[in-house]
C-alpha atoms as a PDB file:
ATOM      1  CA  MET A   1       0.000   0.000   0.000  1.00  0.00           C
ATOM      2  CA  LYS A   2       1.294   3.443  -0.950  1.00  0.00           C
ATOM      3  CA  ILE A   3       1.833   5.676   2.064  1.00  0.00           C
ATOM      4  CA  ILE A   4      -0.566   8.615   2.366  1.00  0.00           C
ATOM      5  CA  GLU A   5       1.195  11.286   4.378  1.00  0.00           C
ATOM      6  CA  LYS A   6      -1.801  13.653   4.409  1.00  0.00           C
ATOM      7  CA  LEU A   7      -5.449  12.920   3.635  1.00  0.00           C
ATOM      8  CA  LEU A   8      -7.983  15.743   3.454  1.00  0.00           C
ATOM      9  CA  LEU A   9     -11.442  14.539   4.535  1.00  0.00           C
ATOM     10  CA  VAL A  10     -14.296  16.798   3.394  1.00  0.00           C
ATOM     11  CA  ASP A  11     -17.827  16.270   4.691  1.00  0.00           C
ATOM     12  CA  ASP A  12     -20.267  18.787   6.160  1.00  0.00           C
ATOM     13  CA  HIS A  13     -21.635  16.431   8.843  1.00  0.00           C
ATOM     14  CA  GLN A  14     -19.522  16.470  11.991  1.00  0.00           C
ATOM     15  CA  ILE A  15     -20.497  12.977  13.081  1.00  0.00           C
ATOM     16  CA  VAL A  16     -19.462  11.619   9.669  1.00  0.00           C
ATOM     17  CA  ARG A  17     -16.128  13.479   9.819  1.00  0.00           C
ATOM     18  CA  GLU A  18     -15.404  12.163  13.299  1.00  0.00           C
ATOM     19  CA  GLY A  19     -16.389   8.615  12.396  1.00  0.00           C
ATOM     20  CA  MET A  20     -14.419   8.629   9.153  1.00  0.00           C
ATOM     21  CA  THR A  21     -11.392  10.175  10.854  1.00  0.00           C
ATOM     22  CA  ALA A  22     -11.425   7.399  13.447  1.00  0.00           C
ATOM     23  CA  LEU A  23     -11.849   4.774  10.716  1.00  0.00           C
ATOM     24  CA  LEU A  24      -9.103   6.169   8.495  1.00  0.00           C
ATOM     25  CA  SER A  25      -6.761   6.438  11.470  1.00  0.00           C
ATOM     26  CA  THR A  26      -6.864   2.640  11.810  1.00  0.00           C
ATOM     27  CA  MET A  27      -5.222   2.370   8.387  1.00  0.00           C
ATOM     28  CA  PRO A  28      -1.455   2.197   9.055  1.00  0.00           C
ATOM     29  CA  TRP A  29      -0.636   3.704   5.663  1.00  0.00           C
ATOM     30  CA  VAL A  30      -2.621   6.891   6.431  1.00  0.00           C
ATOM     31  CA  HIS A  31      -0.393   9.129   8.555  1.00  0.00           C
ATOM     32  CA  GLN A  32      -2.538  12.255   8.995  1.00  0.00           C
ATOM     33  CA  VAL A  33      -6.227  13.009   8.453  1.00  0.00           C
ATOM     34  CA  ILE A  34      -7.212  16.665   8.023  1.00  0.00           C
ATOM     35  CA  PRO A  35     -10.983  17.169   8.487  1.00  0.00           C
ATOM     36  CA  CYS A  36     -12.943  19.918   6.749  1.00  0.00           C
ATOM     37  CA  GLY A  37     -16.675  20.680   6.827  1.00  0.00           C
ATOM     38  CA  ASP A  38     -17.112  23.658   4.500  1.00  0.00           C
ATOM     39  CA  GLY A  39     -16.533  23.833   0.758  1.00  0.00           C
ATOM     40  CA  VAL A  40     -15.182  27.375   1.070  1.00  0.00           C
ATOM     41  CA  ASP A  41     -12.305  26.106   3.233  1.00  0.00           C
ATOM     42  CA  VAL A  42     -11.187  23.282   0.953  1.00  0.00           C
ATOM     43  CA  MET A  43      -8.893  25.117  -1.478  1.00  0.00           C
ATOM     44  CA  PRO A  44      -7.024  27.029   1.259  1.00  0.00           C
ATOM     45  CA  LEU A  45      -6.412  23.693   3.030  1.00  0.00           C
ATOM     46  CA  VAL A  46      -5.326  22.024  -0.212  1.00  0.00           C
ATOM     47  CA  ARG A  47      -2.823  24.820  -0.844  1.00  0.00           C
ATOM     48  CA  LYS A  48      -1.556  24.728   2.750  1.00  0.00           C
ATOM     49  CA  TYR A  49      -1.198  20.973   3.270  1.00  0.00           C
ATOM     50  CA  GLN A  50      -0.772  19.628  -0.293  1.00  0.00           C
ATOM     51  CA  PRO A  51      -2.548  16.356   0.615  1.00  0.00           C
ATOM     52  CA  ASP A  52      -1.865  13.147  -1.263  1.00  0.00           C
ATOM     53  CA  LEU A  53      -5.582  12.340  -1.331  1.00  0.00           C
ATOM     54  CA  VAL A  54      -8.827  14.280  -0.917  1.00  0.00           C
ATOM     55  CA  LEU A  55     -11.761  12.146   0.218  1.00  0.00           C
ATOM     56  CA  MET A  56     -14.744  14.342  -0.546  1.00  0.00           C
ATOM     57  CA  ASP A  57     -18.523  14.475  -0.443  1.00  0.00           C
ATOM     58  CA  ILE A  58     -20.439  16.180  -3.260  1.00  0.00           C
ATOM     59  CA  THR A  59     -23.071  18.098  -1.286  1.00  0.00           C
ATOM     60  CA  LEU A  60     -21.198  20.760   0.674  1.00  0.00           C
ATOM     61  CA  PRO A  61     -21.997  24.292   1.853  1.00  0.00           C
ATOM     62  CA  GLY A  62     -20.253  27.105   0.000  1.00  0.00           C
ATOM     63  CA  LEU A  63     -18.952  25.078  -2.938  1.00  0.00           C
ATOM     64  CA  ASN A  64     -19.864  21.543  -3.985  1.00  0.00           C
ATOM     65  CA  GLY A  65     -17.474  18.650  -4.395  1.00  0.00           C
ATOM     66  CA  ILE A  66     -17.617  18.529  -8.188  1.00  0.00           C
ATOM     67  CA  GLU A  67     -16.656  22.204  -8.541  1.00  0.00           C
ATOM     68  CA  LEU A  68     -13.928  21.705  -5.955  1.00  0.00           C
ATOM     69  CA  THR A  69     -12.570  18.714  -7.863  1.00  0.00           C
ATOM     70  CA  THR A  70     -12.284  20.853 -10.986  1.00  0.00           C
ATOM     71  CA  GLN A  71     -10.326  23.504  -9.079  1.00  0.00           C
ATOM     72  CA  ILE A  72      -8.066  20.966  -7.356  1.00  0.00           C
ATOM     73  CA  LYS A  73      -7.217  19.244 -10.625  1.00  0.00           C
ATOM     74  CA  GLN A  74      -6.524  22.550 -12.361  1.00  0.00           C
ATOM     75  CA  GLU A  75      -4.144  23.762  -9.650  1.00  0.00           C
ATOM     76  CA  HIS A  76      -2.742  20.460  -8.372  1.00  0.00           C
ATOM     77  CA  PRO A  77      -3.262  17.676 -10.942  1.00  0.00           C
ATOM     78  CA  HIS A  78      -1.100  15.265  -8.927  1.00  0.00           C
ATOM     79  CA  ILE A  79      -3.510  15.271  -5.964  1.00  0.00           C
ATOM     80  CA  LYS A  80      -5.893  12.311  -6.007  1.00  0.00           C
ATOM     81  CA  VAL A  81      -9.605  12.965  -5.429  1.00  0.00           C
ATOM     82  CA  LEU A  82     -11.954  10.201  -4.323  1.00  0.00           C
ATOM     83  CA  ILE A  83     -15.632  11.117  -4.093  1.00  0.00           C
ATOM     84  CA  LEU A  84     -17.514   9.585  -1.163  1.00  0.00           C
ATOM     85  CA  SER A  85     -21.182  10.381  -1.709  1.00  0.00           C
ATOM     86  CA  MET A  86     -24.712   9.170  -1.053  1.00  0.00           C
ATOM     87  CA  HIS A  87     -25.536   9.872  -4.721  1.00  0.00           C
ATOM     88  CA  ALA A  88     -25.379   6.835  -6.985  1.00  0.00           C
ATOM     89  CA  GLY A  89     -27.093   8.404 -10.002  1.00  0.00           C
ATOM     90  CA  ALA A  90     -25.352   8.249 -13.377  1.00  0.00           C
ATOM     91  CA  GLU A  91     -25.586  12.036 -13.782  1.00  0.00           C
ATOM     92  CA  TYR A  92     -23.534  12.623 -10.614  1.00  0.00           C
ATOM     93  CA  VAL A  93     -20.891  10.087 -11.586  1.00  0.00           C
ATOM     94  CA  ALA A  94     -20.664  11.473 -15.130  1.00  0.00           C
ATOM     95  CA  LYS A  95     -20.181  15.039 -13.893  1.00  0.00           C
ATOM     96  CA  ALA A  96     -17.607  13.881 -11.342  1.00  0.00           C
ATOM     97  CA  LYS A  97     -15.655  12.025 -14.035  1.00  0.00           C
ATOM     98  CA  LEU A  98     -15.764  15.086 -16.240  1.00  0.00           C
ATOM     99  CA  ALA A  99     -14.337  17.133 -13.352  1.00  0.00           C
ATOM    100  CA  GLY A 100     -11.412  14.719 -13.130  1.00  0.00           C
ATOM    101  CA  VAL A 101     -12.073  12.578 -10.054  1.00  0.00           C
ATOM    102  CA  ASP A 102      -9.915   9.509  -9.539  1.00  0.00           C
ATOM    103  CA  GLY A 103     -12.687   7.433  -8.016  1.00  0.00           C
ATOM    104  CA  TYR A 104     -16.311   7.429  -6.927  1.00  0.00           C
ATOM    105  CA  LEU A 105     -17.512   5.526  -3.868  1.00  0.00           C
ATOM    106  CA  ILE A 106     -20.977   5.280  -2.297  1.00  0.00           C
ATOM    107  CA  LYS A 107     -21.225   6.134   1.394  1.00  0.00           C
ATOM    108  CA  ASP A 108     -22.769   2.835   2.413  1.00  0.00           C
ATOM    109  CA  ALA A 109     -19.702   0.961   1.176  1.00  0.00           C
ATOM    110  CA  ALA A 110     -18.069  -1.493   3.548  1.00  0.00           C
ATOM    111  CA  PHE A 111     -14.702  -0.738   5.158  1.00  0.00           C
ATOM    112  CA  ASP A 112     -12.932  -3.236   2.894  1.00  0.00           C
ATOM    113  CA  GLU A 113     -14.241  -1.506  -0.223  1.00  0.00           C
ATOM    114  CA  LEU A 114     -13.137   1.891   1.083  1.00  0.00           C
ATOM    115  CA  ALA A 115      -9.637   0.558   1.712  1.00  0.00           C
ATOM    116  CA  ASN A 116      -9.588  -1.066  -1.730  1.00  0.00           C
ATOM    117  CA  ALA A 117     -10.792   2.135  -3.411  1.00  0.00           C
ATOM    118  CA  ILE A 118      -8.109   4.223  -1.703  1.00  0.00           C
ATOM    119  CA  SER A 119      -5.415   1.681  -2.609  1.00  0.00           C
ATOM    120  CA  ARG A 120      -6.388   1.553  -6.288  1.00  0.00           C
ATOM    121  CA  VAL A 121      -6.805   5.319  -6.634  1.00  0.00           C
ATOM    122  CA  MET A 122      -3.376   5.904  -5.121  1.00  0.00           C
ATOM    123  CA  THR A 123      -1.809   3.557  -7.692  1.00  0.00           C
ATOM    124  CA  GLY A 124      -3.351   5.470 -10.576  1.00  0.00           C
ATOM    125  CA  GLU A 125      -6.467   3.403 -11.278  1.00  0.00           C
ATOM    126  CA  PHE A 126      -9.959   4.852 -11.575  1.00  0.00           C
ATOM    127  CA  TYR A 127     -12.242   3.245  -8.990  1.00  0.00           C
ATOM    128  CA  LEU A 128     -16.017   3.026  -9.405  1.00  0.00           C
ATOM    129  CA  SER A 129     -18.145   1.776  -6.520  1.00  0.00           C
ATOM    130  CA  SER A 130     -19.484  -1.741  -6.893  1.00  0.00           C
ATOM    131  CA  ALA A 131     -22.957  -0.282  -6.200  1.00  0.00           C
ATOM    132  CA  ILE A 132     -22.850   1.754  -9.425  1.00  0.00           C
ATOM    133  CA  ASP A 133     -23.624   0.281 -12.815  1.00  0.00           C
ATOM    134  CA  SER A 134     -20.738   1.371 -15.063  1.00  0.00           C
ATOM    135  CA  LEU A 135     -22.764   0.513 -18.164  1.00  0.00           C
ATOM    136  CA  VAL A 136     -25.523   2.928 -17.123  1.00  0.00           C
ATOM    137  CA  VAL A 137     -22.941   5.665 -16.541  1.00  0.00           C
ATOM    138  CA  SER A 138     -21.416   4.993 -19.965  1.00  0.00           C
ATOM    139  CA  GLN A 139     -24.825   5.115 -21.637  1.00  0.00           C
ATOM    140  CA  TYR A 140     -25.636   8.372 -19.829  1.00  0.00           C
ATOM    141  CA  GLN A 141     -22.401   9.928 -21.072  1.00  0.00           C
ATOM    142  CA  GLN A 142     -23.169   8.850 -24.644  1.00  0.00           C
ATOM    143  CA  THR A 143     -26.774  10.048 -24.721  1.00  0.00           C
ATOM    144  CA  ASN A 144     -26.518  13.156 -22.551  1.00  0.00           C
ATOM    145  CA  ASP A 145     -24.278  16.158 -22.498  1.00  0.00           C
ATOM    146  CA  PRO A 146     -22.526  15.907 -19.110  1.00  0.00           C
ATOM    147  CA  ASN A 147     -21.038  19.361 -19.449  1.00  0.00           C
ATOM    148  CA  ASP A 148     -22.084  21.843 -16.792  1.00  0.00           C
ATOM    149  CA  PRO A 149     -24.899  24.030 -18.152  1.00  0.00           C
ATOM    150  CA  LEU A 150     -23.366  26.813 -16.056  1.00  0.00           C
ATOM    151  CA  ALA A 151     -20.092  26.659 -17.967  1.00  0.00           C
ATOM    152  CA  ILE A 152     -20.624  30.304 -18.968  1.00  0.00           C
ATOM    153  CA  LEU A 153     -19.980  31.260 -15.338  1.00  0.00           C
ATOM    154  CA  THR A 154     -16.565  31.576 -13.735  1.00  0.00           C
ATOM    155  CA  PRO A 155     -15.720  29.381 -10.721  1.00  0.00           C
ATOM    156  CA  ARG A 156     -16.185  32.409  -8.438  1.00  0.00           C
ATOM    157  CA  GLN A 157     -19.581  33.139  -9.968  1.00  0.00           C
ATOM    158  CA  LYS A 158     -20.685  29.542  -9.471  1.00  0.00           C
ATOM    159  CA  GLN A 159     -19.603  29.781  -5.861  1.00  0.00           C
ATOM    160  CA  ILE A 160     -21.529  33.007  -5.340  1.00  0.00           C
ATOM    161  CA  LEU A 161     -24.559  31.503  -7.100  1.00  0.00           C
ATOM    162  CA  GLN A 162     -24.480  28.568  -4.688  1.00  0.00           C
ATOM    163  CA  LEU A 163     -24.220  30.876  -1.666  1.00  0.00           C
ATOM    164  CA  ILE A 164     -27.105  33.009  -2.943  1.00  0.00           C
ATOM    165  CA  ALA A 165     -29.177  29.842  -3.379  1.00  0.00           C
ATOM    166  CA  GLU A 166     -28.253  28.791   0.160  1.00  0.00           C
ATOM    167  CA  GLY A 167     -29.932  31.980   1.362  1.00  0.00           C
ATOM    168  CA  LEU A 168     -26.903  34.123   2.216  1.00  0.00           C
ATOM    169  CA  SER A 169     -27.175  37.891   1.874  1.00  0.00           C
ATOM    170  CA  THR A 170     -24.665  40.046   0.017  1.00  0.00           C
ATOM    171  CA  ARG A 171     -23.147  40.985   3.374  1.00  0.00           C
ATOM    172  CA  ASP A 172     -22.898  37.337   4.433  1.00  0.00           C
ATOM    173  CA  ILE A 173     -21.244  36.339   1.151  1.00  0.00           C
ATOM    174  CA  SER A 174     -18.888  39.289   1.377  1.00  0.00           C
ATOM    175  CA  GLY A 175     -17.707  38.219   4.824  1.00  0.00           C
ATOM    176  CA  ARG A 176     -17.480  34.537   3.959  1.00  0.00           C
ATOM    177  CA  LEU A 177     -15.405  35.034   0.809  1.00  0.00           C
ATOM    178  CA  CYS A 178     -13.466  38.102   2.000  1.00  0.00           C
ATOM    179  CA  LEU A 179     -14.810  40.196  -0.878  1.00  0.00           C
ATOM    180  CA  SER A 180     -16.282  43.673  -0.858  1.00  0.00           C
ATOM    181  CA  SER A 181     -20.068  43.973  -1.034  1.00  0.00           C
ATOM    182  CA  LYS A 182     -19.645  45.848  -4.309  1.00  0.00           C
ATOM    183  CA  THR A 183     -17.699  42.948  -5.810  1.00  0.00           C
ATOM    184  CA  VAL A 184     -20.368  40.478  -4.722  1.00  0.00           C
ATOM    185  CA  GLU A 185     -23.100  42.645  -6.237  1.00  0.00           C
ATOM    186  CA  THR A 186     -21.120  42.908  -9.475  1.00  0.00           C
ATOM    187  CA  HIS A 187     -20.841  39.119  -9.643  1.00  0.00           C
ATOM    188  CA  ARG A 188     -24.560  38.761  -8.903  1.00  0.00           C
ATOM    189  CA  ALA A 189     -25.402  41.133 -11.765  1.00  0.00           C
ATOM    190  CA  GLN A 190     -23.085  39.253 -14.125  1.00  0.00           C
ATOM    191  CA  ILE A 191     -24.622  35.909 -13.131  1.00  0.00           C
ATOM    192  CA  MET A 192     -28.093  37.221 -13.869  1.00  0.00           C
ATOM    193  CA  ALA A 193     -26.983  38.718 -17.174  1.00  0.00           C
ATOM    194  CA  ARG A 194     -25.231  35.533 -18.322  1.00  0.00           C
ATOM    195  CA  THR A 195     -28.042  33.192 -17.301  1.00  0.00           C
ATOM    196  CA  GLY A 196     -30.881  35.485 -18.326  1.00  0.00           C
ATOM    197  CA  VAL A 197     -32.433  35.216 -14.853  1.00  0.00           C
ATOM    198  CA  LYS A 198     -34.016  38.303 -13.327  1.00  0.00           C
ATOM    199  CA  SER A 199     -34.685  37.266  -9.718  1.00  0.00           C
ATOM    200  CA  VAL A 200     -33.126  35.485  -6.767  1.00  0.00           C
ATOM    201  CA  ALA A 201     -35.866  32.859  -6.995  1.00  0.00           C
ATOM    202  CA  GLY A 202     -34.761  32.176 -10.565  1.00  0.00           C
ATOM    203  CA  LEU A 203     -31.161  31.786  -9.449  1.00  0.00           C
ATOM    204  CA  VAL A 204     -32.231  29.317  -6.774  1.00  0.00           C
ATOM    205  CA  LYS A 205     -34.079  27.247  -9.388  1.00  0.00           C
ATOM    206  CA  ILE A 206     -30.966  27.146 -11.593  1.00  0.00           C
ATOM    207  CA  ALA A 207     -28.778  26.133  -8.657  1.00  0.00           C
ATOM    208  CA  ILE A 208     -31.130  23.290  -7.716  1.00  0.00           C
ATOM    209  CA  ALA A 209     -31.582  22.116 -11.307  1.00  0.00           C
ATOM    210  CA  ASN A 210     -27.823  21.894 -11.817  1.00  0.00           C
ATOM    211  CA  GLY A 211     -26.918  20.243  -8.530  1.00  0.00           C
ATOM    212  CA  LEU A 212     -25.262  23.192  -6.790  1.00  0.00           C
ATOM    213  CA  ILE A 213     -27.636  22.784  -3.864  1.00  0.00           C
ATOM    214  CA  GLU A 214     -30.278  20.280  -2.880  1.00  0.00           C
ATOM    215  CA  LEU A 215     -33.714  20.567  -1.330  1.00  0.00           C
ATOM    216  CA  GLU A 216     -33.759  19.370   2.266  1.00  0.00           C
END
């Protein structure tokens, strides 16, 4: 087994982070687990720690796991990203593959499968959960355009769109992203202009339809 000096664990549920940290710490080849619960904090932690592997959920506050994978792979292509998600749908897997993930695992996987997935990803293989039908994913990719319909937006605009859809005010977004309120408002106006949406409700609908947020 290839040694993993640093593993970044990203999940917004504290009990899951604590349980996964304890589980991963029993693996002798994992030397350090760095927990993170907010999508906004992921890239700063990636830049600081340069982890060997990011084990990441898709549904996260601030910025979702698929967008984060795209950013990680653009800045640090050598870092492995293994998605650990409750979503088994072909559309999620297809978008994750397009973003450049190294593997996709379902959260109800057994410990042995998690260990196997990590091992294979770290040796350069792509790992797909045994619970996912690879043929269905392949057919989805062939018959549907897996490209993000929001490709006309910049990564920052997608992030701000997600935060708007999560119900944050301009002031809240400004403080969370360390941007001026004017900059946030400029991005909001550009998002509306590029998507042709004229209201916050319309932005929320777009965010939900394209998987940036989910209904509780």
